[in-house]
N, C-alpha and C. Protein backbone atom coordinates (compact mmCIF):
# COMPACT_ATOMS: atom_id res chain seq x y z
N MET A 1 -7.85 -35.92 8.90
CA MET A 1 -8.94 -35.75 9.84
C MET A 1 -10.12 -36.60 9.41
N GLY A 2 -10.87 -37.05 10.38
CA GLY A 2 -12.02 -37.86 10.08
C GLY A 2 -11.70 -39.31 9.80
N ALA A 3 -10.45 -39.71 9.98
CA ALA A 3 -10.06 -41.08 9.70
C ALA A 3 -10.58 -42.01 10.80
N PRO A 4 -11.01 -43.21 10.44
CA PRO A 4 -11.53 -44.12 11.46
C PRO A 4 -10.41 -44.75 12.27
N THR A 5 -10.17 -44.24 13.46
CA THR A 5 -9.20 -44.83 14.37
C THR A 5 -9.97 -45.36 15.56
N SER A 6 -9.84 -46.61 15.84
CA SER A 6 -10.55 -47.31 16.91
C SER A 6 -12.06 -47.14 16.79
N GLY A 7 -12.55 -47.01 15.56
CA GLY A 7 -13.98 -47.01 15.32
C GLY A 7 -14.67 -45.67 15.37
N GLY A 8 -14.04 -44.62 15.88
CA GLY A 8 -14.71 -43.34 15.99
C GLY A 8 -14.09 -42.29 15.10
N ILE A 9 -14.74 -41.14 15.03
CA ILE A 9 -14.23 -40.03 14.24
C ILE A 9 -13.32 -39.18 15.13
N THR A 10 -12.17 -38.83 14.60
CA THR A 10 -11.25 -37.96 15.32
C THR A 10 -11.06 -36.68 14.52
N ALA A 11 -10.73 -35.60 15.22
CA ALA A 11 -10.55 -34.31 14.57
C ALA A 11 -9.52 -33.49 15.36
N TYR A 12 -9.14 -32.36 14.78
CA TYR A 12 -8.22 -31.43 15.43
C TYR A 12 -9.03 -30.47 16.29
N SER A 13 -8.62 -30.32 17.54
CA SER A 13 -9.29 -29.38 18.43
C SER A 13 -8.56 -28.05 18.38
N VAL A 14 -9.22 -27.04 17.85
CA VAL A 14 -8.59 -25.72 17.72
C VAL A 14 -8.39 -25.09 19.09
N LYS A 15 -9.32 -25.30 19.98
CA LYS A 15 -9.24 -24.67 21.30
C LYS A 15 -8.08 -25.22 22.12
N THR A 16 -7.90 -26.53 22.12
CA THR A 16 -6.81 -27.13 22.92
C THR A 16 -5.55 -27.39 22.09
N LYS A 17 -5.63 -27.17 20.76
CA LYS A 17 -4.51 -27.36 19.84
C LYS A 17 -3.92 -28.77 19.91
N THR A 18 -4.81 -29.77 19.91
CA THR A 18 -4.38 -31.17 19.92
C THR A 18 -4.98 -31.90 18.74
N LYS A 19 -4.22 -32.88 18.22
CA LYS A 19 -4.66 -33.66 17.07
C LYS A 19 -5.30 -34.96 17.52
N ASN A 20 -6.12 -35.54 16.64
CA ASN A 20 -6.74 -36.85 16.84
C ASN A 20 -7.55 -36.94 18.12
N VAL A 21 -8.35 -35.92 18.39
CA VAL A 21 -9.23 -35.92 19.56
C VAL A 21 -10.52 -36.64 19.17
N PRO A 22 -10.95 -37.65 19.94
CA PRO A 22 -12.18 -38.37 19.61
C PRO A 22 -13.41 -37.47 19.71
N MET A 23 -14.30 -37.61 18.73
CA MET A 23 -15.52 -36.81 18.69
C MET A 23 -16.66 -37.60 19.34
N ILE A 24 -17.41 -36.93 20.20
CA ILE A 24 -18.52 -37.56 20.91
C ILE A 24 -19.82 -37.21 20.20
N ASP A 25 -20.65 -38.21 19.92
CA ASP A 25 -21.94 -38.07 19.24
C ASP A 25 -21.85 -37.26 17.94
N PRO A 26 -21.03 -37.70 16.98
CA PRO A 26 -20.91 -36.94 15.73
C PRO A 26 -22.14 -37.07 14.84
N VAL A 27 -22.44 -36.01 14.13
CA VAL A 27 -23.52 -35.97 13.15
C VAL A 27 -22.90 -35.53 11.83
N ILE A 28 -23.13 -36.31 10.76
CA ILE A 28 -22.54 -36.00 9.46
C ILE A 28 -23.58 -35.34 8.58
N ASP A 29 -23.28 -34.11 8.16
CA ASP A 29 -24.14 -33.35 7.26
C ASP A 29 -23.46 -33.24 5.90
N ILE A 30 -24.27 -33.00 4.87
CA ILE A 30 -23.72 -32.75 3.54
C ILE A 30 -24.04 -31.30 3.20
N LYS A 31 -22.98 -30.51 3.01
CA LYS A 31 -23.13 -29.11 2.66
C LYS A 31 -22.26 -28.83 1.45
N SER A 32 -22.85 -28.38 0.38
CA SER A 32 -22.14 -28.05 -0.87
C SER A 32 -21.34 -29.25 -1.39
N GLY A 33 -21.88 -30.45 -1.21
CA GLY A 33 -21.23 -31.65 -1.71
C GLY A 33 -20.12 -32.18 -0.83
N ARG A 34 -19.89 -31.58 0.32
CA ARG A 34 -18.85 -32.02 1.25
C ARG A 34 -19.49 -32.67 2.47
N TYR A 35 -18.85 -33.68 2.97
CA TYR A 35 -19.34 -34.40 4.15
C TYR A 35 -18.63 -33.83 5.37
N ILE A 36 -19.41 -33.24 6.28
CA ILE A 36 -18.85 -32.57 7.45
C ILE A 36 -19.41 -33.22 8.71
N ALA A 37 -18.51 -33.75 9.53
CA ALA A 37 -18.90 -34.33 10.82
C ALA A 37 -18.75 -33.26 11.90
N THR A 38 -19.81 -33.02 12.65
CA THR A 38 -19.76 -32.07 13.76
C THR A 38 -20.10 -32.79 15.05
N GLY A 39 -19.44 -32.39 16.10
CA GLY A 39 -19.67 -33.00 17.41
C GLY A 39 -18.92 -32.23 18.47
N LYS A 40 -18.73 -32.85 19.61
CA LYS A 40 -18.02 -32.22 20.72
C LYS A 40 -16.95 -33.16 21.24
N ASP A 41 -15.93 -32.59 21.90
CA ASP A 41 -14.93 -33.43 22.54
C ASP A 41 -15.35 -33.68 23.99
N SER A 42 -14.50 -34.35 24.75
CA SER A 42 -14.87 -34.72 26.12
C SER A 42 -15.04 -33.51 27.03
N ALA A 43 -14.43 -32.37 26.67
CA ALA A 43 -14.56 -31.16 27.48
C ALA A 43 -15.74 -30.30 27.06
N GLY A 44 -16.46 -30.71 26.00
CA GLY A 44 -17.63 -29.97 25.55
C GLY A 44 -17.34 -28.93 24.48
N ASN A 45 -16.11 -28.90 23.96
CA ASN A 45 -15.76 -27.96 22.90
C ASN A 45 -16.28 -28.47 21.56
N LYS A 46 -16.81 -27.57 20.72
CA LYS A 46 -17.32 -27.96 19.41
C LYS A 46 -16.17 -28.31 18.49
N MET A 47 -16.40 -29.32 17.64
CA MET A 47 -15.39 -29.77 16.70
C MET A 47 -16.06 -30.07 15.36
N ALA A 48 -15.25 -30.06 14.29
CA ALA A 48 -15.75 -30.41 12.97
C ALA A 48 -14.64 -31.09 12.19
N ALA A 49 -15.02 -32.01 11.30
CA ALA A 49 -14.06 -32.70 10.44
C ALA A 49 -14.68 -32.89 9.07
N ILE A 50 -13.92 -32.59 8.03
CA ILE A 50 -14.38 -32.80 6.66
C ILE A 50 -13.83 -34.13 6.19
N MET A 51 -14.67 -34.94 5.52
CA MET A 51 -14.25 -36.26 5.07
C MET A 51 -14.86 -36.57 3.72
N GLY A 52 -14.40 -37.63 3.12
CA GLY A 52 -14.93 -38.07 1.84
C GLY A 52 -16.21 -38.86 1.99
N LYS A 53 -16.85 -39.14 0.86
CA LYS A 53 -18.12 -39.84 0.85
C LYS A 53 -17.98 -41.25 1.41
N ALA A 54 -16.94 -41.98 1.00
CA ALA A 54 -16.76 -43.36 1.44
C ALA A 54 -16.54 -43.44 2.95
N THR A 55 -15.74 -42.54 3.50
CA THR A 55 -15.49 -42.53 4.94
C THR A 55 -16.76 -42.19 5.71
N ALA A 56 -17.51 -41.21 5.21
CA ALA A 56 -18.74 -40.80 5.88
C ALA A 56 -19.75 -41.95 5.89
N GLU A 57 -19.93 -42.61 4.75
CA GLU A 57 -20.88 -43.72 4.69
C GLU A 57 -20.44 -44.88 5.56
N GLU A 58 -19.13 -45.10 5.69
CA GLU A 58 -18.62 -46.17 6.54
C GLU A 58 -18.93 -45.89 8.01
N HIS A 59 -18.76 -44.64 8.44
CA HIS A 59 -19.06 -44.28 9.84
C HIS A 59 -20.55 -44.43 10.14
N VAL A 60 -21.40 -44.06 9.20
CA VAL A 60 -22.85 -44.19 9.40
C VAL A 60 -23.22 -45.67 9.44
N LYS A 61 -22.63 -46.47 8.54
CA LYS A 61 -22.93 -47.90 8.49
C LYS A 61 -22.48 -48.60 9.78
N ASN A 62 -21.33 -48.21 10.31
CA ASN A 62 -20.81 -48.82 11.54
C ASN A 62 -21.54 -48.34 12.79
N GLY A 63 -22.30 -47.26 12.67
CA GLY A 63 -23.03 -46.76 13.82
C GLY A 63 -22.23 -45.79 14.67
N THR A 64 -21.07 -45.34 14.20
CA THR A 64 -20.27 -44.40 14.97
C THR A 64 -20.71 -42.96 14.75
N ALA A 65 -21.58 -42.72 13.75
CA ALA A 65 -22.09 -41.38 13.48
C ALA A 65 -23.54 -41.48 13.02
N LYS A 66 -24.24 -40.35 13.11
CA LYS A 66 -25.63 -40.28 12.67
C LYS A 66 -25.71 -39.43 11.41
N LYS A 67 -26.74 -39.68 10.60
CA LYS A 67 -26.98 -38.87 9.42
C LYS A 67 -27.63 -37.56 9.84
N GLY A 68 -27.14 -36.48 9.25
CA GLY A 68 -27.72 -35.17 9.49
C GLY A 68 -28.50 -34.70 8.30
N SER A 69 -28.46 -33.43 8.02
CA SER A 69 -29.21 -32.87 6.90
C SER A 69 -28.44 -33.06 5.59
N GLY A 70 -29.17 -33.08 4.49
CA GLY A 70 -28.57 -33.14 3.18
C GLY A 70 -28.42 -34.53 2.57
N TRP A 71 -28.78 -35.58 3.28
CA TRP A 71 -28.61 -36.95 2.75
C TRP A 71 -29.68 -37.24 1.75
């Protein structure tokens, strides 16, 4: 989860039970040393993905995500 596919962050949607759903307007926060991307899918359902530091910084650098709290 959180792997850069086609430039955006993808995650598992618990509500629709589908994998690799693109996240819209993700915000990456740091909580307890973990990088967590939160956003919504195209239907408006909330989503979250946990990722490593390198992946999180790459998404912020590419402009596909915004920095949240904890940076």
